[in-house]
Every structure is written in structure tokens, then in C-alpha cells.
Amino acid sequence: MSSITTAVAVDYRLQQWAQLVKDCQNRPQDMTVEQWCDTKGISKSNYYYRLRCIRKACLEHVQDNSVSCQQVVEIPEKITQQSRSESPSDISIEINGVVIHIKEDISESLLEKIIRVVSRAK
């Protein structure tokens, strides 16, 4: 039972410290950390100790909740080539030597912009 109480106390303390650090980070720009600590009645070294404890707890939390290492899945070249050849464009337009392959789901405004830009190119 005491370990649960200790864990709760540590979590509560870290929450208080996190709020304190957040307040310090939102201090006026012309105020130094040391000046801010003086107004809160803590030493500068104690502030940085608390900051270090919060960072350590955050890192431990992230590591505990992190996803296991992702594996790289290799895709055979034949599959990628098939997918390219199975999805031909619906129409091809050649303007000033530039070939544009267009799918049926292209927006009219995008098509107009592409044609305008390519027709101006030399």
C-alpha cells in the first residue's frame, strides 16, 4: 500500500513542478529565471532540479508507451511497376513539347492553372 501512496505523491509533486516550470517559461521576457525564482521563493538550482526531474519522468513515460521498433517492409519491384502500369492517365495533353498526363479526378481549376503555366513556358 505504501508504494501506491508513494507513486501518487510523486505524480502529484511532478504535476505541481510541471505547472511551476510552465509558469516560469511564461514569465515576462525581461525577467530572468533567477529573478522569477526569487519571486517564487525557490533557488535557481532547485528550479533546474525540478525541471530535470520532469524531463526524466516525461522520457520514461514516452519510452514506456512507445511502439515497438517498426520493421521496414520491402516491396518487390514488380509490384510497384504493376501499380504504375495499371493506373494509366485518362488523358494526355502535349503543349509546347510538354506532355501532361491527367487523371479523371483532377479539378477544373487545377487543370486550367497547369495549362496556363505550361502554355506560357518556352
PDB file of N, CA and C in Angstrom:
ATOM      1  N   MET A   1       0.810  -1.189   0.000  1.00  0.00           N
ATOM      2  CA  MET A   1       0.000   0.000   0.000  1.00  0.00           C
ATOM      3  C   MET A   1       0.856   1.257   0.000  1.00  0.00           C
ATOM      4  N   SER A   2       1.986   1.222   0.683  1.00  0.00           N
ATOM      5  CA  SER A   2       2.829   2.415   0.755  1.00  0.00           C
ATOM      6  C   SER A   2       3.462   2.744  -0.588  1.00  0.00           C
ATOM      7  N   SER A   3       3.701   1.724  -1.419  1.00  0.00           N
ATOM      8  CA  SER A   3       4.285   2.009  -2.733  1.00  0.00           C
ATOM      9  C   SER A   3       3.288   2.752  -3.620  1.00  0.00           C
ATOM     10  N   ILE A   4       2.010   2.435  -3.475  1.00  0.00           N
ATOM     11  CA  ILE A   4       0.976   3.144  -4.237  1.00  0.00           C
ATOM     12  C   ILE A   4       0.895   4.590  -3.759  1.00  0.00           C
ATOM     13  N   THR A   5       0.939   4.764  -2.453  1.00  0.00           N
ATOM     14  CA  THR A   5       0.897   6.112  -1.885  1.00  0.00           C
ATOM     15  C   THR A   5       2.091   6.928  -2.342  1.00  0.00           C
ATOM     16  N   THR A   6       3.257   6.293  -2.348  1.00  0.00           N
ATOM     17  CA  THR A   6       4.468   6.978  -2.794  1.00  0.00           C
ATOM     18  C   THR A   6       4.355   7.373  -4.260  1.00  0.00           C
ATOM     19  N   ALA A   7       3.850   6.460  -5.090  1.00  0.00           N
ATOM     20  CA  ALA A   7       3.699   6.753  -6.518  1.00  0.00           C
ATOM     21  C   ALA A   7       2.735   7.913  -6.738  1.00  0.00           C
ATOM     22  N   VAL A   8       1.651   7.926  -5.992  1.00  0.00           N
ATOM     23  CA  VAL A   8       0.672   9.014  -6.116  1.00  0.00           C
ATOM     24  C   VAL A   8       1.302  10.334  -5.683  1.00  0.00           C
ATOM     25  N   ALA A   9       2.064  10.289  -4.598  1.00  0.00           N
ATOM     26  CA  ALA A   9       2.720  11.505  -4.103  1.00  0.00           C
ATOM     27  C   ALA A   9       3.727  12.035  -5.116  1.00  0.00           C
ATOM     28  N   VAL A  10       4.485  11.124  -5.727  1.00  0.00           N
ATOM     29  CA  VAL A  10       5.472  11.530  -6.736  1.00  0.00           C
ATOM     30  C   VAL A  10       4.764  12.150  -7.935  1.00  0.00           C
ATOM     31  N   ASP A  11       3.687  11.516  -8.397  1.00  0.00           N
ATOM     32  CA  ASP A  11       2.934  12.059  -9.533  1.00  0.00           C
ATOM     33  C   ASP A  11       2.372  13.442  -9.217  1.00  0.00           C
ATOM     34  N   TYR A  12       1.839  13.591  -8.014  1.00  0.00           N
ATOM     35  CA  TYR A  12       1.281  14.884  -7.611  1.00  0.00           C
ATOM     36  C   TYR A  12       2.372  15.954  -7.580  1.00  0.00           C
ATOM     37  N   ARG A  13       3.508  15.597  -7.023  1.00  0.00           N
ATOM     38  CA  ARG A  13       4.629  16.548  -6.943  1.00  0.00           C
ATOM     39  C   ARG A  13       5.092  16.939  -8.347  1.00  0.00           C
ATOM     40  N   LEU A  14       5.194  15.948  -9.235  1.00  0.00           N
ATOM     41  CA  LEU A  14       5.620  16.241 -10.611  1.00  0.00           C
ATOM     42  C   LEU A  14       4.622  17.162 -11.313  1.00  0.00           C
ATOM     43  N   GLN A  15       3.337  16.963 -11.049  1.00  0.00           N
ATOM     44  CA  GLN A  15       2.324  17.841 -11.648  1.00  0.00           C
ATOM     45  C   GLN A  15       2.487  19.278 -11.154  1.00  0.00           C
ATOM     46  N   GLN A  16       2.738  19.417  -9.859  1.00  0.00           N
ATOM     47  CA  GLN A  16       2.956  20.757  -9.309  1.00  0.00           C
ATOM     48  C   GLN A  16       4.202  21.387  -9.917  1.00  0.00           C
ATOM     49  N   TRP A  17       5.260  20.609 -10.008  1.00  0.00           N
ATOM     50  CA  TRP A  17       6.510  21.124 -10.570  1.00  0.00           C
ATOM     51  C   TRP A  17       6.337  21.484 -12.040  1.00  0.00           C
ATOM     52  N   ALA A  18       5.587  20.657 -12.763  1.00  0.00           N
ATOM     53  CA  ALA A  18       5.355  20.938 -14.186  1.00  0.00           C
ATOM     54  C   ALA A  18       4.628  22.272 -14.351  1.00  0.00           C
ATOM     55  N   GLN A  19       3.663  22.530 -13.488  1.00  0.00           N
ATOM     56  CA  GLN A  19       2.952  23.811 -13.543  1.00  0.00           C
ATOM     57  C   GLN A  19       3.899  24.963 -13.222  1.00  0.00           C
ATOM     58  N   LEU A  20       4.783  24.741 -12.248  1.00  0.00           N
ATOM     59  CA  LEU A  20       5.761  25.755 -11.872  1.00  0.00           C
ATOM     60  C   LEU A  20       6.692  26.075 -13.050  1.00  0.00           C
ATOM     61  N   VAL A  21       7.168  25.027 -13.725  1.00  0.00           N
ATOM     62  CA  VAL A  21       8.059  25.214 -14.879  1.00  0.00           C
ATOM     63  C   VAL A  21       7.315  25.932 -15.999  1.00  0.00           C
ATOM     64  N   LYS A  22       6.058  25.551 -16.209  1.00  0.00           N
ATOM     65  CA  LYS A  22       5.251  26.209 -17.243  1.00  0.00           C
ATOM     66  C   LYS A  22       5.094  27.696 -16.928  1.00  0.00           C
ATOM     67  N   ASP A  23       4.853  28.000 -15.654  1.00  0.00           N
ATOM     68  CA  ASP A  23       4.738  29.400 -15.246  1.00  0.00           C
ATOM     69  C   ASP A  23       6.041  30.155 -15.502  1.00  0.00           C
ATOM     70  N   CYS A  24       7.162  29.497 -15.213  1.00  0.00           N
ATOM     71  CA  CYS A  24       8.459  30.143 -15.430  1.00  0.00           C
ATOM     72  C   CYS A  24       8.697  30.404 -16.917  1.00  0.00           C
ATOM     73  N   GLN A  25       8.304  29.453 -17.747  1.00  0.00           N
ATOM     74  CA  GLN A  25       8.503  29.624 -19.184  1.00  0.00           C
ATOM     75  C   GLN A  25       7.606  30.715 -19.755  1.00  0.00           C
ATOM     76  N   ASN A  26       6.532  31.036 -19.049  1.00  0.00           N
ATOM     77  CA  ASN A  26       5.623  32.105 -19.488  1.00  0.00           C
ATOM     78  C   ASN A  26       5.892  33.424 -18.770  1.00  0.00           C
ATOM     79  N   ARG A  27       7.033  33.528 -18.127  1.00  0.00           N
ATOM     80  CA  ARG A  27       7.389  34.754 -17.394  1.00  0.00           C
ATOM     81  C   ARG A  27       7.634  35.890 -18.394  1.00  0.00           C
ATOM     82  N   PRO A  28       7.602  37.127 -17.930  1.00  0.00           N
ATOM     83  CA  PRO A  28       7.897  38.261 -18.824  1.00  0.00           C
ATOM     84  C   PRO A  28       9.292  38.118 -19.447  1.00  0.00           C
ATOM     85  N   GLN A  29       9.440  38.583 -20.662  1.00  0.00           N
ATOM     86  CA  GLN A  29      10.702  38.426 -21.386  1.00  0.00           C
ATOM     87  C   GLN A  29      11.869  39.121 -20.708  1.00  0.00           C
ATOM     88  N   ASP A  30      11.600  40.212 -20.051  1.00  0.00           N
ATOM     89  CA  ASP A  30      12.698  40.947 -19.426  1.00  0.00           C
ATOM     90  C   ASP A  30      13.083  40.383 -18.052  1.00  0.00           C
ATOM     91  N   MET A  31      12.398  39.335 -17.597  1.00  0.00           N
ATOM     92  CA  MET A  31      12.686  38.730 -16.292  1.00  0.00           C
ATOM     93  C   MET A  31      13.540  37.477 -16.487  1.00  0.00           C
ATOM     94  N   THR A  32      14.627  37.362 -15.754  1.00  0.00           N
ATOM     95  CA  THR A  32      15.490  36.182 -15.839  1.00  0.00           C
ATOM     96  C   THR A  32      14.901  35.057 -14.998  1.00  0.00           C
ATOM     97  N   VAL A  33      15.405  33.845 -15.216  1.00  0.00           N
ATOM     98  CA  VAL A  33      14.974  32.698 -14.421  1.00  0.00           C
ATOM     99  C   VAL A  33      15.285  32.949 -12.949  1.00  0.00           C
ATOM    100  N   GLU A  34      16.448  33.495 -12.695  1.00  0.00           N
ATOM    101  CA  GLU A  34      16.852  33.761 -11.313  1.00  0.00           C
ATOM    102  C   GLU A  34      15.896  34.753 -10.636  1.00  0.00           C
ATOM    103  N   GLN A  35      15.518  35.800 -11.339  1.00  0.00           N
ATOM    104  CA  GLN A  35      14.575  36.776 -10.783  1.00  0.00           C
ATOM    105  C   GLN A  35      13.212  36.127 -10.529  1.00  0.00           C
ATOM    106  N   TRP A  36      12.782  35.305 -11.484  1.00  0.00           N
ATOM    107  CA  TRP A  36      11.500  34.630 -11.333  1.00  0.00           C
ATOM    108  C   TRP A  36      11.528  33.701 -10.125  1.00  0.00           C
ATOM    109  N   CYS A  37      12.622  32.949  -9.971  1.00  0.00           N
ATOM    110  CA  CYS A  37      12.763  32.043  -8.830  1.00  0.00           C
ATOM    111  C   CYS A  37      12.710  32.813  -7.513  1.00  0.00           C
ATOM    112  N   ASP A  38      13.342  33.981  -7.468  1.00  0.00           N
ATOM    113  CA  ASP A  38      13.312  34.809  -6.254  1.00  0.00           C
ATOM    114  C   ASP A  38      11.877  35.198  -5.890  1.00  0.00           C
ATOM    115  N   THR A  39      11.073  35.523  -6.901  1.00  0.00           N
ATOM    116  CA  THR A  39       9.686  35.916  -6.617  1.00  0.00           C
ATOM    117  C   THR A  39       8.858  34.734  -6.121  1.00  0.00           C
ATOM    118  N   LYS A  40       9.240  33.511  -6.515  1.00  0.00           N
ATOM    119  CA  LYS A  40       8.505  32.311  -6.100  1.00  0.00           C
ATOM    120  C   LYS A  40       9.084  31.678  -4.835  1.00  0.00           C
ATOM    121  N   GLY A  41      10.222  32.199  -4.378  1.00  0.00           N
ATOM    122  CA  GLY A  41      10.812  31.694  -3.143  1.00  0.00           C
ATOM    123  C   GLY A  41      11.549  30.378  -3.287  1.00  0.00           C
ATOM    124  N   ILE A  42      12.050  30.095  -4.492  1.00  0.00           N
ATOM    125  CA  ILE A  42      12.859  28.883  -4.687  1.00  0.00           C
ATOM    126  C   ILE A  42      14.206  29.292  -5.260  1.00  0.00           C
ATOM    127  N   SER A  43      15.189  28.436  -5.056  1.00  0.00           N
ATOM    128  CA  SER A  43      16.511  28.747  -5.601  1.00  0.00           C
ATOM    129  C   SER A  43      16.553  28.359  -7.074  1.00  0.00           C
ATOM    130  N   LYS A  44      17.471  28.962  -7.783  1.00  0.00           N
ATOM    131  CA  LYS A  44      17.643  28.672  -9.209  1.00  0.00           C
ATOM    132  C   LYS A  44      18.021  27.204  -9.394  1.00  0.00           C
ATOM    133  N   SER A  45      18.898  26.685  -8.530  1.00  0.00           N
ATOM    134  CA  SER A  45      19.315  25.284  -8.646  1.00  0.00           C
ATOM    135  C   SER A  45      18.142  24.342  -8.381  1.00  0.00           C
ATOM    136  N   ASN A  46      17.250  24.709  -7.460  1.00  0.00           N
ATOM    137  CA  ASN A  46      16.075  23.886  -7.185  1.00  0.00           C
ATOM    138  C   ASN A  46      15.133  23.878  -8.381  1.00  0.00           C
ATOM    139  N   TYR A  47      15.002  25.024  -9.036  1.00  0.00           N
ATOM    140  CA  TYR A  47      14.173  25.100 -10.249  1.00  0.00           C
ATOM    141  C   TYR A  47      14.703  24.140 -11.309  1.00  0.00           C
ATOM    142  N   TYR A  48      16.011  24.180 -11.548  1.00  0.00           N
ATOM    143  CA  TYR A  48      16.583  23.311 -12.574  1.00  0.00           C
ATOM    144  C   TYR A  48      16.547  21.844 -12.164  1.00  0.00           C
ATOM    145  N   TYR A  49      16.600  21.555 -10.866  1.00  0.00           N
ATOM    146  CA  TYR A  49      16.441  20.180 -10.384  1.00  0.00           C
ATOM    147  C   TYR A  49      15.034  19.686 -10.728  1.00  0.00           C
ATOM    148  N   ARG A  50      14.036  20.513 -10.443  1.00  0.00           N
ATOM    149  CA  ARG A  50      12.654  20.146 -10.737  1.00  0.00           C
ATOM    150  C   ARG A  50      12.447  19.961 -12.239  1.00  0.00           C
ATOM    151  N   LEU A  51      13.036  20.843 -13.024  1.00  0.00           N
ATOM    152  CA  LEU A  51      12.938  20.738 -14.477  1.00  0.00           C
ATOM    153  C   LEU A  51      13.545  19.424 -14.959  1.00  0.00           C
ATOM    154  N   ARG A  52      14.698  19.062 -14.406  1.00  0.00           N
ATOM    155  CA  ARG A  52      15.366  17.810 -14.762  1.00  0.00           C
ATOM    156  C   ARG A  52      14.495  16.604 -14.400  1.00  0.00           C
ATOM    157  N   CYS A  53      13.880  16.634 -13.218  1.00  0.00           N
ATOM    158  CA  CYS A  53      13.003  15.536 -12.791  1.00  0.00           C
ATOM    159  C   CYS A  53      11.800  15.393 -13.722  1.00  0.00           C
ATOM    160  N   ILE A  54      11.231  16.508 -14.135  1.00  0.00           N
ATOM    161  CA  ILE A  54      10.080  16.477 -15.042  1.00  0.00           C
ATOM    162  C   ILE A  54      10.485  15.897 -16.393  1.00  0.00           C
ATOM    163  N   ARG A  55      11.605  16.330 -16.913  1.00  0.00           N
ATOM    164  CA  ARG A  55      12.078  15.807 -18.205  1.00  0.00           C
ATOM    165  C   ARG A  55      12.332  14.307 -18.122  1.00  0.00           C
ATOM    166  N   LYS A  56      12.943  13.874 -17.028  1.00  0.00           N
ATOM    167  CA  LYS A  56      13.230  12.451 -16.843  1.00  0.00           C
ATOM    168  C   LYS A  56      11.930  11.651 -16.800  1.00  0.00           C
ATOM    169  N   ALA A  57      10.944  12.144 -16.058  1.00  0.00           N
ATOM    170  CA  ALA A  57       9.655  11.458 -15.967  1.00  0.00           C
ATOM    171  C   ALA A  57       8.965  11.402 -17.328  1.00  0.00           C
ATOM    172  N   CYS A  58       9.060  12.477 -18.091  1.00  0.00           N
ATOM    173  CA  CYS A  58       8.457  12.500 -19.433  1.00  0.00           C
ATOM    174  C   CYS A  58       9.125  11.487 -20.351  1.00  0.00           C
ATOM    175  N   LEU A  59      10.446  11.425 -20.298  1.00  0.00           N
ATOM    176  CA  LEU A  59      11.169  10.462 -21.131  1.00  0.00           C
ATOM    177  C   LEU A  59      10.810   9.031 -20.760  1.00  0.00           C
ATOM    178  N   GLU A  60      10.700   8.756 -19.464  1.00  0.00           N
ATOM    179  CA  GLU A  60      10.318   7.412 -19.030  1.00  0.00           C
ATOM    180  C   GLU A  60       8.912   7.080 -19.500  1.00  0.00           C
ATOM    181  N   HIS A  61       8.017   8.044 -19.434  1.00  0.00           N
ATOM    182  CA  HIS A  61       6.640   7.842 -19.880  1.00  0.00           C
ATOM    183  C   HIS A  61       6.592   7.565 -21.385  1.00  0.00           C
ATOM    184  N   VAL A  62       7.356   8.305 -22.146  1.00  0.00           N
ATOM    185  CA  VAL A  62       7.383   8.118 -23.600  1.00  0.00           C
ATOM    186  C   VAL A  62       7.957   6.748 -23.943  1.00  0.00           C
ATOM    187  N   GLN A  63       9.025   6.354 -23.267  1.00  0.00           N
ATOM    188  CA  GLN A  63       9.643   5.061 -23.541  1.00  0.00           C
ATOM    189  C   GLN A  63       8.712   3.921 -23.163  1.00  0.00           C
ATOM    190  N   ASP A  64       7.954   4.068 -22.081  1.00  0.00           N
ATOM    191  CA  ASP A  64       7.014   3.028 -21.665  1.00  0.00           C
ATOM    192  C   ASP A  64       5.878   2.875 -22.663  1.00  0.00           C
ATOM    193  N   ASN A  65       5.452   3.971 -23.247  1.00  0.00           N
ATOM    194  CA  ASN A  65       4.311   3.956 -24.159  1.00  0.00           C
ATOM    195  C   ASN A  65       4.698   3.873 -25.627  1.00  0.00           C
ATOM    196  N   SER A  66       5.988   3.790 -25.901  1.00  0.00           N
ATOM    197  CA  SER A  66       6.404   3.808 -27.303  1.00  0.00           C
ATOM    198  C   SER A  66       6.084   2.481 -27.977  1.00  0.00           C
ATOM    199  N   VAL A  67       5.854   2.567 -29.249  1.00  0.00           N
ATOM    200  CA  VAL A  67       5.564   1.397 -30.058  1.00  0.00           C
ATOM    201  C   VAL A  67       6.868   0.655 -30.295  1.00  0.00           C
ATOM    202  N   SER A  68       6.763  -0.648 -30.383  1.00  0.00           N
ATOM    203  CA  SER A  68       7.974  -1.415 -30.646  1.00  0.00           C
ATOM    204  C   SER A  68       8.557  -1.005 -31.994  1.00  0.00           C
ATOM    205  N   CYS A  69       9.791  -1.312 -32.182  1.00  0.00           N
ATOM    206  CA  CYS A  69      10.533  -0.890 -33.374  1.00  0.00           C
ATOM    207  C   CYS A  69       9.792  -1.303 -34.644  1.00  0.00           C
ATOM    208  N   GLN A  70       9.597  -0.368 -35.525  1.00  0.00           N
ATOM    209  CA  GLN A  70       8.925  -0.648 -36.783  1.00  0.00           C
ATOM    210  C   GLN A  70       9.879  -1.353 -37.741  1.00  0.00           C
ATOM    211  N   GLN A  71       9.354  -2.349 -38.406  1.00  0.00           N
ATOM    212  CA  GLN A  71      10.169  -3.064 -39.376  1.00  0.00           C
ATOM    213  C   GLN A  71       9.926  -2.465 -40.756  1.00  0.00           C
ATOM    214  N   VAL A  72      10.979  -2.461 -41.542  1.00  0.00           N
ATOM    215  CA  VAL A  72      10.873  -1.978 -42.906  1.00  0.00           C
ATOM    216  C   VAL A  72      10.418  -3.142 -43.771  1.00  0.00           C
ATOM    217  N   VAL A  73       9.353  -2.920 -44.501  1.00  0.00           N
ATOM    218  CA  VAL A  73       8.829  -3.951 -45.379  1.00  0.00           C
ATOM    219  C   VAL A  73       9.261  -3.616 -46.790  1.00  0.00           C
ATOM    220  N   GLU A  74       9.958  -4.540 -47.406  1.00  0.00           N
ATOM    221  CA  GLU A  74      10.445  -4.306 -48.759  1.00  0.00           C
ATOM    222  C   GLU A  74       9.354  -4.691 -49.750  1.00  0.00           C
ATOM    223  N   ILE A  75       9.095  -3.814 -50.703  1.00  0.00           N
ATOM    224  CA  ILE A  75       8.096  -4.081 -51.733  1.00  0.00           C
ATOM    225  C   ILE A  75       8.839  -4.477 -52.998  1.00  0.00           C
ATOM    226  N   PRO A  76       8.533  -5.653 -53.520  1.00  0.00           N
ATOM    227  CA  PRO A  76       9.220  -6.086 -54.740  1.00  0.00           C
ATOM    228  C   PRO A  76       8.977  -5.108 -55.884  1.00  0.00           C
ATOM    229  N   GLU A  77       9.986  -4.969 -56.738  1.00  0.00           N
ATOM    230  CA  GLU A  77       9.911  -4.003 -57.836  1.00  0.00           C
ATOM    231  C   GLU A  77       8.779  -4.332 -58.800  1.00  0.00           C
ATOM    232  N   LYS A  78       8.482  -5.607 -58.997  1.00  0.00           N
ATOM    233  CA  LYS A  78       7.417  -5.995 -59.922  1.00  0.00           C
ATOM    234  C   LYS A  78       6.073  -5.404 -59.496  1.00  0.00           C
ATOM    235  N   ILE A  79       5.822  -5.394 -58.208  1.00  0.00           N
ATOM    236  CA  ILE A  79       4.547  -4.869 -57.716  1.00  0.00           C
ATOM    237  C   ILE A  79       4.443  -3.371 -57.977  1.00  0.00           C
ATOM    238  N   THR A  80       5.513  -2.635 -57.717  1.00  0.00           N
ATOM    239  CA  THR A  80       5.461  -1.191 -57.942  1.00  0.00           C
ATOM    240  C   THR A  80       5.320  -0.868 -59.422  1.00  0.00           C
ATOM    241  N   GLN A  81       5.948  -1.653 -60.280  1.00  0.00           N
ATOM    242  CA  GLN A  81       5.819  -1.419 -61.721  1.00  0.00           C
ATOM    243  C   GLN A  81       4.406  -1.742 -62.187  1.00  0.00           C
ATOM    244  N   GLN A  82       3.800  -2.805 -61.622  1.00  0.00           N
ATOM    245  CA  GLN A  82       2.434  -3.157 -61.996  1.00  0.00           C
ATOM    246  C   GLN A  82       1.463  -2.049 -61.609  1.00  0.00           C
ATOM    247  N   SER A  83       1.644  -1.508 -60.420  1.00  0.00           N
ATOM    248  CA  SER A  83       0.708  -0.476 -59.983  1.00  0.00           C
ATOM    249  C   SER A  83       0.794   0.758 -60.864  1.00  0.00           C
ATOM    250  N   ARG A  84       1.981   1.052 -61.363  1.00  0.00           N
ATOM    251  CA  ARG A  84       2.121   2.204 -62.266  1.00  0.00           C
ATOM    252  C   ARG A  84       1.435   1.933 -63.600  1.00  0.00           C
ATOM    253  N   SER A  85       1.610   0.707 -64.116  1.00  0.00           N
ATOM    254  CA  SER A  85       1.052   0.406 -65.430  1.00  0.00           C
ATOM    255  C   SER A  85      -0.452   0.163 -65.359  1.00  0.00           C
ATOM    256  N   GLU A  86      -0.972  -0.221 -64.180  1.00  0.00           N
ATOM    257  CA  GLU A  86      -2.397  -0.474 -64.052  1.00  0.00           C
ATOM    258  C   GLU A  86      -3.207   0.807 -63.868  1.00  0.00           C
ATOM    259  N   SER A  87      -2.527   1.906 -63.637  1.00  0.00           N
ATOM    260  CA  SER A  87      -3.265   3.148 -63.434  1.00  0.00           C
ATOM    261  C   SER A  87      -2.835   4.193 -64.455  1.00  0.00           C
ATOM    262  N   PRO A  88      -3.151   3.951 -65.731  1.00  0.00           N
ATOM    263  CA  PRO A  88      -2.772   4.939 -66.746  1.00  0.00           C
ATOM    264  C   PRO A  88      -3.623   6.192 -66.590  1.00  0.00           C
ATOM    265  N   SER A  89      -3.091   7.293 -67.084  1.00  0.00           N
ATOM    266  CA  SER A  89      -3.860   8.530 -67.009  1.00  0.00           C
ATOM    267  C   SER A  89      -5.013   8.449 -67.998  1.00  0.00           C
ATOM    268  N   ASP A  90      -6.045   9.191 -67.728  1.00  0.00           N
ATOM    269  CA  ASP A  90      -7.222   9.170 -68.580  1.00  0.00           C
ATOM    270  C   ASP A  90      -7.004   9.951 -69.863  1.00  0.00           C
ATOM    271  N   ILE A  91      -6.151  10.975 -69.775  1.00  0.00           N
ATOM    272  CA  ILE A  91      -5.889  11.789 -70.959  1.00  0.00           C
ATOM    273  C   ILE A  91      -4.476  12.342 -70.879  1.00  0.00           C
ATOM    274  N   SER A  92      -3.864  12.515 -72.017  1.00  0.00           N
ATOM    275  CA  SER A  92      -2.538  13.133 -72.089  1.00  0.00           C
ATOM    276  C   SER A  92      -2.626  14.324 -73.025  1.00  0.00           C
ATOM    277  N   ILE A  93      -2.054  15.441 -72.600  1.00  0.00           N
ATOM    278  CA  ILE A  93      -2.064  16.663 -73.400  1.00  0.00           C
ATOM    279  C   ILE A  93      -0.623  17.076 -73.621  1.00  0.00           C
ATOM    280  N   GLU A  94      -0.307  17.484 -74.871  1.00  0.00           N
ATOM    281  CA  GLU A  94       1.033  17.988 -75.158  1.00  0.00           C
ATOM    282  C   GLU A  94       0.918  19.457 -75.544  1.00  0.00           C
ATOM    283  N   ILE A  95       1.634  20.290 -74.768  1.00  0.00           N
ATOM    284  CA  ILE A  95       1.652  21.726 -75.035  1.00  0.00           C
ATOM    285  C   ILE A  95       3.100  22.174 -75.034  1.00  0.00           C
ATOM    286  N   ASN A  96       3.533  22.800 -76.120  1.00  0.00           N
ATOM    287  CA  ASN A  96       4.911  23.294 -76.243  1.00  0.00           C
ATOM    288  C   ASN A  96       5.951  22.223 -75.911  1.00  0.00           C
ATOM    289  N   GLY A  97       5.691  20.998 -76.324  1.00  0.00           N
ATOM    290  CA  GLY A  97       6.646  19.915 -76.088  1.00  0.00           C
ATOM    291  C   GLY A  97       6.576  19.308 -74.695  1.00  0.00           C
ATOM    292  N   VAL A  98       5.665  19.787 -73.873  1.00  0.00           N
ATOM    293  CA  VAL A  98       5.491  19.242 -72.522  1.00  0.00           C
ATOM    294  C   VAL A  98       4.256  18.353 -72.529  1.00  0.00           C
ATOM    295  N   VAL A  99       4.443  17.092 -72.082  1.00  0.00           N
ATOM    296  CA  VAL A  99       3.327  16.150 -72.035  1.00  0.00           C
ATOM    297  C   VAL A  99       2.771  16.130 -70.610  1.00  0.00           C
ATOM    298  N   ILE A 100       1.467  16.305 -70.505  1.00  0.00           N
ATOM    299  CA  ILE A 100       0.793  16.298 -69.211  1.00  0.00           C
ATOM    300  C   ILE A 100      -0.158  15.110 -69.190  1.00  0.00           C
ATOM    301  N   HIS A 101       0.023  14.236 -68.194  1.00  0.00           N
ATOM    302  CA  HIS A 101      -0.864  13.087 -68.015  1.00  0.00           C
ATOM    303  C   HIS A 101      -1.876  13.456 -66.931  1.00  0.00           C
ATOM    304  N   ILE A 102      -3.150  13.370 -67.277  1.00  0.00           N
ATOM    305  CA  ILE A 102      -4.196  13.855 -66.387  1.00  0.00           C
ATOM    306  C   ILE A 102      -5.135  12.717 -66.005  1.00  0.00           C
ATOM    307  N   LYS A 103      -5.466  12.655 -64.720  1.00  0.00           N
ATOM    308  CA  LYS A 103      -6.440  11.690 -64.210  1.00  0.00           C
ATOM    309  C   LYS A 103      -7.830  12.310 -64.286  1.00  0.00           C
ATOM    310  N   GLU A 104      -8.839  11.473 -64.225  1.00  0.00           N
ATOM    311  CA  GLU A 104     -10.207  11.975 -64.343  1.00  0.00           C
ATOM    312  C   GLU A 104     -10.660  12.785 -63.136  1.00  0.00           C
ATOM    313  N   ASP A 105     -10.014  12.610 -61.976  1.00  0.00           N
ATOM    314  CA  ASP A 105     -10.469  13.303 -60.776  1.00  0.00           C
ATOM    315  C   ASP A 105      -9.776  14.648 -60.544  1.00  0.00           C
ATOM    316  N   ILE A 106      -9.077  15.174 -61.562  1.00  0.00           N
ATOM    317  CA  ILE A 106      -8.407  16.470 -61.412  1.00  0.00           C
ATOM    318  C   ILE A 106      -9.463  17.573 -61.396  1.00  0.00           C
ATOM    319  N   SER A 107      -9.239  18.572 -60.581  1.00  0.00           N
ATOM    320  CA  SER A 107     -10.201  19.681 -60.524  1.00  0.00           C
ATOM    321  C   SER A 107     -10.024  20.567 -61.757  1.00  0.00           C
ATOM    322  N   GLU A 108     -11.098  21.184 -62.142  1.00  0.00           N
ATOM    323  CA  GLU A 108     -11.076  22.035 -63.327  1.00  0.00           C
ATOM    324  C   GLU A 108     -10.137  23.224 -63.133  1.00  0.00           C
ATOM    325  N   SER A 109     -10.151  23.791 -61.929  1.00  0.00           N
ATOM    326  CA  SER A 109      -9.301  24.961 -61.681  1.00  0.00           C
ATOM    327  C   SER A 109      -7.821  24.589 -61.739  1.00  0.00           C
ATOM    328  N   LEU A 110      -7.462  23.410 -61.210  1.00  0.00           N
ATOM    329  CA  LEU A 110      -6.068  22.978 -61.270  1.00  0.00           C
ATOM    330  C   LEU A 110      -5.648  22.734 -62.711  1.00  0.00           C
ATOM    331  N   LEU A 111      -6.504  22.111 -63.492  1.00  0.00           N
ATOM    332  CA  LEU A 111      -6.197  21.858 -64.896  1.00  0.00           C
ATOM    333  C   LEU A 111      -6.001  23.169 -65.651  1.00  0.00           C
ATOM    334  N   GLU A 112      -6.848  24.152 -65.392  1.00  0.00           N
ATOM    335  CA  GLU A 112      -6.701  25.454 -66.045  1.00  0.00           C
ATOM    336  C   GLU A 112      -5.371  26.105 -65.689  1.00  0.00           C
ATOM    337  N   LYS A 113      -4.991  26.032 -64.418  1.00  0.00           N
ATOM    338  CA  LYS A 113      -3.723  26.619 -63.984  1.00  0.00           C
ATOM    339  C   LYS A 113      -2.541  25.926 -64.647  1.00  0.00           C
ATOM    340  N   ILE A 114      -2.583  24.599 -64.722  1.00  0.00           N
ATOM    341  CA  ILE A 114      -1.486  23.848 -65.343  1.00  0.00           C
ATOM    342  C   ILE A 114      -1.352  24.227 -66.806  1.00  0.00           C
ATOM    343  N   ILE A 115      -2.460  24.257 -67.521  1.00  0.00           N
ATOM    344  CA  ILE A 115      -2.424  24.595 -68.949  1.00  0.00           C
ATOM    345  C   ILE A 115      -1.921  26.020 -69.144  1.00  0.00           C
ATOM    346  N   ARG A 116      -2.368  26.950 -68.304  1.00  0.00           N
ATOM    347  CA  ARG A 116      -1.931  28.343 -68.406  1.00  0.00           C
ATOM    348  C   ARG A 116      -0.416  28.447 -68.216  1.00  0.00           C
ATOM    349  N   VAL A 117       0.110  27.780 -67.201  1.00  0.00           N
ATOM    350  CA  VAL A 117       1.543  27.861 -66.912  1.00  0.00           C
ATOM    351  C   VAL A 117       2.362  27.206 -68.015  1.00  0.00           C
ATOM    352  N   VAL A 118       1.938  26.030 -68.469  1.00  0.00           N
ATOM    353  CA  VAL A 118       2.701  25.315 -69.498  1.00  0.00           C
ATOM    354  C   VAL A 118       2.637  26.049 -70.827  1.00  0.00           C
ATOM    355  N   SER A 119       1.513  26.649 -71.152  1.00  0.00           N
ATOM    356  CA  SER A 119       1.412  27.356 -72.434  1.00  0.00           C
ATOM    357  C   SER A 119       2.287  28.607 -72.458  1.00  0.00           C
ATOM    358  N   ARG A 120       2.561  29.197 -71.283  1.00  0.00           N
ATOM    359  CA  ARG A 120       3.446  30.363 -71.215  1.00  0.00           C
ATOM    360  C   ARG A 120       4.915  29.970 -71.246  1.00  0.00           C
ATOM    361  N   ALA A 121       5.227  28.744 -70.875  1.00  0.00           N
ATOM    362  CA  ALA A 121       6.635  28.300 -70.816  1.00  0.00           C
ATOM    363  C   ALA A 121       7.186  28.145 -72.224  1.00  0.00           C
ATOM    364  N   LYS A 122       8.473  28.466 -72.360  1.00  0.00           N
ATOM    365  CA  LYS A 122       9.107  28.333 -73.679  1.00  0.00           C
ATOM    366  C   LYS A 122      10.377  27.558 -73.555  1.00  0.00           C
TER     367      LYS A 122
END
